[in-house]
C-alpha cells in the first residue's frame, strides 16, 4: 500500500485497491485517516473497436517481407 500513498485523495479508492491488492475498505480507512476526501469513481472507458483482418495485397510491404530473416 505504501507506493500508492501519494494517490490517496487523487485516485478513486477502488482503483487504488485493485492496483495494490488490498480491500477497498482498507484504502478508504487510510484515506480518511489522512483527512482526504473521496474521489468519484473513474468512468468506464470505451474499449477500442477491433480492427477487421484485411485480406488483399500487402499494402506495399511485399518487398520488405521478402528481405526479412527468419531468425
PDB file of N, CA and C in Angstrom:
ATOM      1  N   UNK A   1       0.821  -1.190   0.000  1.00  0.00           N
ATOM      2  CA  UNK A   1       0.000   0.000   0.000  1.00  0.00           C
ATOM      3  C   UNK A   1       0.867   1.257   0.000  1.00  0.00           C
ATOM      4  N   UNK A   2       2.064   1.168   0.532  1.00  0.00           N
ATOM      5  CA  UNK A   2       2.939   2.342   0.643  1.00  0.00           C
ATOM      6  C   UNK A   2       3.214   3.033  -0.699  1.00  0.00           C
ATOM      7  N   UNK A   3       3.456   2.302  -1.796  1.00  0.00           N
ATOM      8  CA  UNK A   3       3.722   3.001  -3.067  1.00  0.00           C
ATOM      9  C   UNK A   3       2.531   3.818  -3.574  1.00  0.00           C
ATOM     10  N   UNK A   4       1.342   3.524  -3.078  1.00  0.00           N
ATOM     11  CA  UNK A   4       0.136   4.196  -3.568  1.00  0.00           C
ATOM     12  C   UNK A   4      -0.335   5.300  -2.626  1.00  0.00           C
ATOM     13  N   UNK A   5       0.435   5.592  -1.580  1.00  0.00           N
ATOM     14  CA  UNK A   5       0.033   6.601  -0.599  1.00  0.00           C
ATOM     15  C   UNK A   5      -0.180   7.963  -1.251  1.00  0.00           C
ATOM     16  N   UNK A   6       0.661   8.323  -2.199  1.00  0.00           N
ATOM     17  CA  UNK A   6       0.537   9.638  -2.837  1.00  0.00           C
ATOM     18  C   UNK A   6      -0.705   9.747  -3.715  1.00  0.00           C
ATOM     19  N   UNK A   7      -1.311   8.621  -4.063  1.00  0.00           N
ATOM     20  CA  UNK A   7      -2.508   8.640  -4.907  1.00  0.00           C
ATOM     21  C   UNK A   7      -3.785   8.808  -4.092  1.00  0.00           C
ATOM     22  N   UNK A   8      -3.693   8.643  -2.778  1.00  0.00           N
ATOM     23  CA  UNK A   8      -4.888   8.775  -1.937  1.00  0.00           C
ATOM     24  C   UNK A   8      -5.469  10.180  -2.077  1.00  0.00           C
ATOM     25  N   UNK A   9      -6.764  10.255  -2.304  1.00  0.00           N
ATOM     26  CA  UNK A   9      -7.435  11.535  -2.466  1.00  0.00           C
ATOM     27  C   UNK A   9      -7.372  12.083  -3.880  1.00  0.00           C
ATOM     28  N   UNK A  10      -6.555  11.462  -4.726  1.00  0.00           N
ATOM     29  CA  UNK A  10      -6.458  11.892  -6.123  1.00  0.00           C
ATOM     30  C   UNK A  10      -7.039  10.865  -7.080  1.00  0.00           C
ATOM     31  N   UNK A  11      -7.024   9.603  -6.654  1.00  0.00           N
ATOM     32  CA  UNK A  11      -7.479   8.480  -7.468  1.00  0.00           C
ATOM     33  C   UNK A  11      -8.582   7.774  -6.687  1.00  0.00           C
ATOM     34  N   UNK A  12      -9.620   7.275  -7.355  1.00  0.00           N
ATOM     35  CA  UNK A  12     -10.693   6.572  -6.644  1.00  0.00           C
ATOM     36  C   UNK A  12     -10.162   5.404  -5.811  1.00  0.00           C
ATOM     37  N   UNK A  13     -10.778   5.198  -4.645  1.00  0.00           N
ATOM     38  CA  UNK A  13     -10.366   4.125  -3.735  1.00  0.00           C
ATOM     39  C   UNK A  13     -10.372   2.764  -4.421  1.00  0.00           C
ATOM     40  N   UNK A  14     -11.357   2.529  -5.280  1.00  0.00           N
ATOM     41  CA  UNK A  14     -11.471   1.237  -5.958  1.00  0.00           C
ATOM     42  C   UNK A  14     -10.252   0.968  -6.843  1.00  0.00           C
ATOM     43  N   UNK A  15      -9.779   2.002  -7.532  1.00  0.00           N
ATOM     44  CA  UNK A  15      -8.623   1.839  -8.415  1.00  0.00           C
ATOM     45  C   UNK A  15      -7.355   1.560  -7.616  1.00  0.00           C
ATOM     46  N   UNK A  16      -7.186   2.257  -6.494  1.00  0.00           N
ATOM     47  CA  UNK A  16      -6.011   2.027  -5.646  1.00  0.00           C
ATOM     48  C   UNK A  16      -6.064   0.628  -5.050  1.00  0.00           C
ATOM     49  N   UNK A  17      -7.251   0.207  -4.608  1.00  0.00           N
ATOM     50  CA  UNK A  17      -7.394  -1.128  -4.028  1.00  0.00           C
ATOM     51  C   UNK A  17      -7.056  -2.202  -5.049  1.00  0.00           C
ATOM     52  N   UNK A  18      -7.508  -2.028  -6.264  1.00  0.00           N
ATOM     53  CA  UNK A  18      -7.232  -3.012  -7.313  1.00  0.00           C
ATOM     54  C   UNK A  18      -5.739  -3.052  -7.633  1.00  0.00           C
ATOM     55  N   UNK A  19      -5.107  -1.901  -7.720  1.00  0.00           N
ATOM     56  CA  UNK A  19      -3.683  -1.852  -8.059  1.00  0.00           C
ATOM     57  C   UNK A  19      -2.806  -2.395  -6.936  1.00  0.00           C
ATOM     58  N   UNK A  20      -3.198  -2.142  -5.689  1.00  0.00           N
ATOM     59  CA  UNK A  20      -2.361  -2.557  -4.564  1.00  0.00           C
ATOM     60  C   UNK A  20      -2.702  -3.941  -4.038  1.00  0.00           C
ATOM     61  N   UNK A  21      -3.855  -4.476  -4.432  1.00  0.00           N
ATOM     62  CA  UNK A  21      -4.234  -5.814  -3.998  1.00  0.00           C
ATOM     63  C   UNK A  21      -4.789  -5.878  -2.590  1.00  0.00           C
ATOM     64  N   UNK A  22      -5.349  -4.784  -2.099  1.00  0.00           N
ATOM     65  CA  UNK A  22      -5.974  -4.777  -0.774  1.00  0.00           C
ATOM     66  C   UNK A  22      -7.459  -4.471  -0.932  1.00  0.00           C
ATOM     67  N   UNK A  23      -8.196  -4.620   0.156  1.00  0.00           N
ATOM     68  CA  UNK A  23      -9.635  -4.363   0.133  1.00  0.00           C
ATOM     69  C   UNK A  23      -9.907  -2.858   0.038  1.00  0.00           C
ATOM     70  N   UNK A  24     -11.028  -2.516  -0.566  1.00  0.00           N
ATOM     71  CA  UNK A  24     -11.419  -1.112  -0.711  1.00  0.00           C
ATOM     72  C   UNK A  24     -11.569  -0.465   0.663  1.00  0.00           C
ATOM     73  N   UNK A  25     -12.036  -1.230   1.638  1.00  0.00           N
ATOM     74  CA  UNK A  25     -12.230  -0.699   2.989  1.00  0.00           C
ATOM     75  C   UNK A  25     -10.907  -0.248   3.603  1.00  0.00           C
ATOM     76  N   UNK A  26      -9.834  -0.971   3.309  1.00  0.00           N
ATOM     77  CA  UNK A  26      -8.512  -0.602   3.830  1.00  0.00           C
ATOM     78  C   UNK A  26      -8.067   0.723   3.228  1.00  0.00           C
ATOM     79  N   UNK A  27      -8.242   0.873   1.935  1.00  0.00           N
ATOM     80  CA  UNK A  27      -7.865   2.118   1.255  1.00  0.00           C
ATOM     81  C   UNK A  27      -8.707   3.270   1.783  1.00  0.00           C
ATOM     82  N   UNK A  28      -9.995   3.025   1.958  1.00  0.00           N
ATOM     83  CA  UNK A  28     -10.894   4.066   2.457  1.00  0.00           C
ATOM     84  C   UNK A  28     -10.490   4.492   3.862  1.00  0.00           C
ATOM     85  N   UNK A  29     -10.162   3.533   4.723  1.00  0.00           N
ATOM     86  CA  UNK A  29      -9.762   3.854   6.094  1.00  0.00           C
ATOM     87  C   UNK A  29      -8.471   4.678   6.111  1.00  0.00           C
ATOM     88  N   UNK A  30      -7.503   4.312   5.279  1.00  0.00           N
ATOM     89  CA  UNK A  30      -6.255   5.079   5.215  1.00  0.00           C
ATOM     90  C   UNK A  30      -6.495   6.493   4.709  1.00  0.00           C
ATOM     91  N   UNK A  31      -7.302   6.613   3.660  1.00  0.00           N
ATOM     92  CA  UNK A  31      -7.592   7.942   3.105  1.00  0.00           C
ATOM     93  C   UNK A  31      -8.261   8.820   4.150  1.00  0.00           C
ATOM     94  N   UNK A  32      -9.231   8.255   4.871  1.00  0.00           N
ATOM     95  CA  UNK A  32      -9.929   9.014   5.909  1.00  0.00           C
ATOM     96  C   UNK A  32      -8.998   9.363   7.063  1.00  0.00           C
ATOM     97  N   UNK A  33      -8.043   8.479   7.379  1.00  0.00           N
ATOM     98  CA  UNK A  33      -7.083   8.751   8.448  1.00  0.00           C
ATOM     99  C   UNK A  33      -6.204   9.953   8.107  1.00  0.00           C
ATOM    100  N   UNK A  34      -5.931  10.151   6.832  1.00  0.00           N
ATOM    101  CA  UNK A  34      -5.145  11.302   6.391  1.00  0.00           C
ATOM    102  C   UNK A  34      -6.017  12.540   6.182  1.00  0.00           C
ATOM    103  N   UNK A  35      -7.327  12.412   6.380  1.00  0.00           N
ATOM    104  CA  UNK A  35      -8.229  13.547   6.241  1.00  0.00           C
ATOM    105  C   UNK A  35      -8.482  13.971   4.808  1.00  0.00           C
ATOM    106  N   UNK A  36      -8.391  13.020   3.888  1.00  0.00           N
ATOM    107  CA  UNK A  36      -8.595  13.323   2.470  1.00  0.00           C
ATOM    108  C   UNK A  36     -10.008  12.964   2.040  1.00  0.00           C
ATOM    109  N   UNK A  37     -10.538  13.724   1.096  1.00  0.00           N
ATOM    110  CA  UNK A  37     -11.881  13.464   0.575  1.00  0.00           C
ATOM    111  C   UNK A  37     -11.844  12.351  -0.462  1.00  0.00           C
ATOM    112  N   UNK A  38     -13.004  11.706  -0.622  1.00  0.00           N
ATOM    113  CA  UNK A  38     -13.135  10.642  -1.621  1.00  0.00           C
ATOM    114  C   UNK A  38     -13.180  11.252  -3.021  1.00  0.00           C
ATOM    115  N   UNK A  39     -12.765  10.472  -3.983  1.00  0.00           N
ATOM    116  CA  UNK A  39     -12.781  10.880  -5.389  1.00  0.00           C
ATOM    117  C   UNK A  39     -13.842  10.049  -6.094  1.00  0.00           C
ATOM    118  N   UNK A  40     -14.565  10.664  -7.017  1.00  0.00           N
ATOM    119  CA  UNK A  40     -15.598   9.939  -7.764  1.00  0.00           C
ATOM    120  C   UNK A  40     -14.958   8.804  -8.557  1.00  0.00           C
ATOM    121  N   UNK A  41     -15.671   7.688  -8.696  1.00  0.00           N
ATOM    122  CA  UNK A  41     -15.126   6.563  -9.475  1.00  0.00           C
ATOM    123  C   UNK A  41     -14.811   6.969 -10.905  1.00  0.00           C
ATOM    124  N   UNK A  42     -13.812   6.326 -11.463  1.00  0.00           N
ATOM    125  CA  UNK A  42     -13.410   6.604 -12.841  1.00  0.00           C
ATOM    126  C   UNK A  42     -14.505   6.153 -13.802  1.00  0.00           C
ATOM    127  N   UNK A  43     -14.770   6.936 -14.837  1.00  0.00           N
ATOM    128  CA  UNK A  43     -15.755   6.485 -15.832  1.00  0.00           C
ATOM    129  C   UNK A  43     -15.185   5.311 -16.616  1.00  0.00           C
ATOM    130  N   UNK A  44     -16.061   4.416 -17.002  1.00  0.00           N
ATOM    131  CA  UNK A  44     -15.623   3.288 -17.822  1.00  0.00           C
ATOM    132  C   UNK A  44     -15.255   3.813 -19.203  1.00  0.00           C
ATOM    133  N   UNK A  45     -14.042   3.548 -19.592  1.00  0.00           N
ATOM    134  CA  UNK A  45     -13.597   3.988 -20.910  1.00  0.00           C
ATOM    135  C   UNK A  45     -14.069   2.993 -21.954  1.00  0.00           C
ATOM    136  N   UNK A  46     -14.506   3.513 -23.056  1.00  0.00           N
ATOM    137  CA  UNK A  46     -14.978   2.642 -24.132  1.00  0.00           C
ATOM    138  C   UNK A  46     -13.808   1.832 -24.673  1.00  0.00           C
ATOM    139  N   UNK A  47     -14.042   0.561 -24.865  1.00  0.00           N
ATOM    140  CA  UNK A  47     -12.976  -0.273 -25.413  1.00  0.00           C
ATOM    141  C   UNK A  47     -12.864   0.004 -26.909  1.00  0.00           C
ATOM    142  N   UNK A  48     -11.658   0.011 -27.420  1.00  0.00           N
ATOM    143  CA  UNK A  48     -11.493   0.301 -28.845  1.00  0.00           C
ATOM    144  C   UNK A  48     -12.140  -0.782 -29.706  1.00  0.00           C
ATOM    145  N   UNK A  49     -12.673  -0.362 -30.827  1.00  0.00           N
ATOM    146  CA  UNK A  49     -13.307  -1.315 -31.739  1.00  0.00           C
ATOM    147  C   UNK A  49     -12.235  -2.184 -32.374  1.00  0.00           C
ATOM    148  N   UNK A  50     -12.476  -3.477 -32.451  1.00  0.00           N
ATOM    149  CA  UNK A  50     -11.471  -4.343 -33.078  1.00  0.00           C
ATOM    150  C   UNK A  50     -11.338  -4.026 -34.565  1.00  0.00           C
ATOM    151  N   UNK A  51     -10.138  -4.128 -35.046  1.00  0.00           N
ATOM    152  CA  UNK A  51      -9.861  -3.880 -36.456  1.00  0.00           C
ATOM    153  C   UNK A  51     -10.023  -5.192 -37.199  1.00  0.00           C
ATOM    154  N   UNK A  52     -10.804  -5.150 -38.247  1.00  0.00           N
ATOM    155  CA  UNK A  52     -11.034  -6.368 -39.018  1.00  0.00           C
ATOM    156  C   UNK A  52      -9.776  -6.754 -39.783  1.00  0.00           C
ATOM    157  N   UNK A  53      -9.606  -8.045 -39.972  1.00  0.00           N
ATOM    158  CA  UNK A  53      -8.483  -8.532 -40.768  1.00  0.00           C
ATOM    159  C   UNK A  53      -8.627  -8.016 -42.194  1.00  0.00           C
ATOM    160  N   UNK A  54      -7.517  -7.596 -42.759  1.00  0.00           N
ATOM    161  CA  UNK A  54      -7.526  -7.101 -44.128  1.00  0.00           C
ATOM    162  C   UNK A  54      -6.967  -8.186 -45.025  1.00  0.00           C
ATOM    163  N   UNK A  55      -7.755  -8.585 -45.982  1.00  0.00           N
ATOM    164  CA  UNK A  55      -7.316  -9.608 -46.926  1.00  0.00           C
ATOM    165  C   UNK A  55      -7.098  -8.946 -48.276  1.00  0.00           C
ATOM    166  N   UNK A  56      -5.893  -8.986 -48.734  1.00  0.00           N
ATOM    167  CA  UNK A  56      -5.586  -8.363 -50.013  1.00  0.00           C
ATOM    168  C   UNK A  56      -4.099  -8.159 -50.152  1.00  0.00           C
ATOM    169  N   UNK A  57      -3.717  -7.248 -51.011  1.00  0.00           N
ATOM    170  CA  UNK A  57      -2.287  -7.007 -51.211  1.00  0.00           C
ATOM    171  C   UNK A  57      -1.628  -6.541 -49.914  1.00  0.00           C
ATOM    172  N   UNK A  58      -0.353  -6.685 -49.826  1.00  0.00           N
ATOM    173  CA  UNK A  58       0.392  -6.341 -48.613  1.00  0.00           C
ATOM    174  C   UNK A  58       0.610  -4.859 -48.408  1.00  0.00           C
ATOM    175  N   UNK A  59      -0.139  -4.043 -49.081  1.00  0.00           N
ATOM    176  CA  UNK A  59      -0.082  -2.595 -48.918  1.00  0.00           C
ATOM    177  C   UNK A  59       1.314  -2.024 -49.143  1.00  0.00           C
ATOM    178  N   UNK A  60       2.063  -2.645 -50.063  1.00  0.00           N
ATOM    179  CA  UNK A  60       3.376  -2.130 -50.396  1.00  0.00           C
ATOM    180  C   UNK A  60       4.509  -2.709 -49.582  1.00  0.00           C
ATOM    181  N   UNK A  61       4.218  -3.644 -48.681  1.00  0.00           N
ATOM    182  CA  UNK A  61       5.267  -4.218 -47.846  1.00  0.00           C
ATOM    183  C   UNK A  61       5.815  -5.535 -48.400  1.00  0.00           C
ATOM    184  N   UNK A  62       5.371  -5.941 -49.577  1.00  0.00           N
ATOM    185  CA  UNK A  62       5.820  -7.222 -50.128  1.00  0.00           C
ATOM    186  C   UNK A  62       7.336  -7.285 -50.263  1.00  0.00           C
ATOM    187  N   UNK A  63       7.958  -6.198 -50.711  1.00  0.00           N
ATOM    188  CA  UNK A  63       9.407  -6.220 -50.905  1.00  0.00           C
ATOM    189  C   UNK A  63      10.138  -6.334 -49.572  1.00  0.00           C
ATOM    190  N   UNK A  64       9.598  -5.752 -48.525  1.00  0.00           N
ATOM    191  CA  UNK A  64      10.217  -5.875 -47.202  1.00  0.00           C
ATOM    192  C   UNK A  64      10.095  -7.289 -46.661  1.00  0.00           C
ATOM    193  N   UNK A  65       8.949  -7.894 -46.842  1.00  0.00           N
ATOM    194  CA  UNK A  65       8.737  -9.237 -46.319  1.00  0.00           C
ATOM    195  C   UNK A  65       9.679 -10.235 -46.970  1.00  0.00           C
ATOM    196  N   UNK A  66      10.048 -10.009 -48.212  1.00  0.00           N
ATOM    197  CA  UNK A  66      10.965 -10.909 -48.891  1.00  0.00           C
ATOM    198  C   UNK A  66      12.391 -10.789 -48.395  1.00  0.00           C
ATOM    199  N   UNK A  67      12.736  -9.687 -47.714  1.00  0.00           N
ATOM    200  CA  UNK A  67      14.112  -9.490 -47.250  1.00  0.00           C
ATOM    201  C   UNK A  67      14.292  -9.790 -45.773  1.00  0.00           C
ATOM    202  N   UNK A  68      13.223 -10.092 -45.059  1.00  0.00           N
ATOM    203  CA  UNK A  68      13.325 -10.352 -43.618  1.00  0.00           C
ATOM    204  C   UNK A  68      13.950 -11.713 -43.370  1.00  0.00           C
ATOM    205  N   UNK A  69      14.782 -11.786 -42.346  1.00  0.00           N
ATOM    206  CA  UNK A  69      15.393 -13.065 -42.000  1.00  0.00           C
ATOM    207  C   UNK A  69      14.459 -13.836 -41.077  1.00  0.00           C
ATOM    208  N   UNK A  70      14.611 -15.112 -41.038  1.00  0.00           N
ATOM    209  CA  UNK A  70      13.760 -15.952 -40.202  1.00  0.00           C
ATOM    210  C   UNK A  70      14.234 -16.035 -38.768  1.00  0.00           C
ATOM    211  N   UNK A  71      15.371 -15.579 -38.432  1.00  0.00           N
ATOM    212  CA  UNK A  71      15.892 -15.784 -37.095  1.00  0.00           C
ATOM    213  C   UNK A  71      16.168 -14.544 -36.414  1.00  0.00           C
TER     214      UNK A  71
END
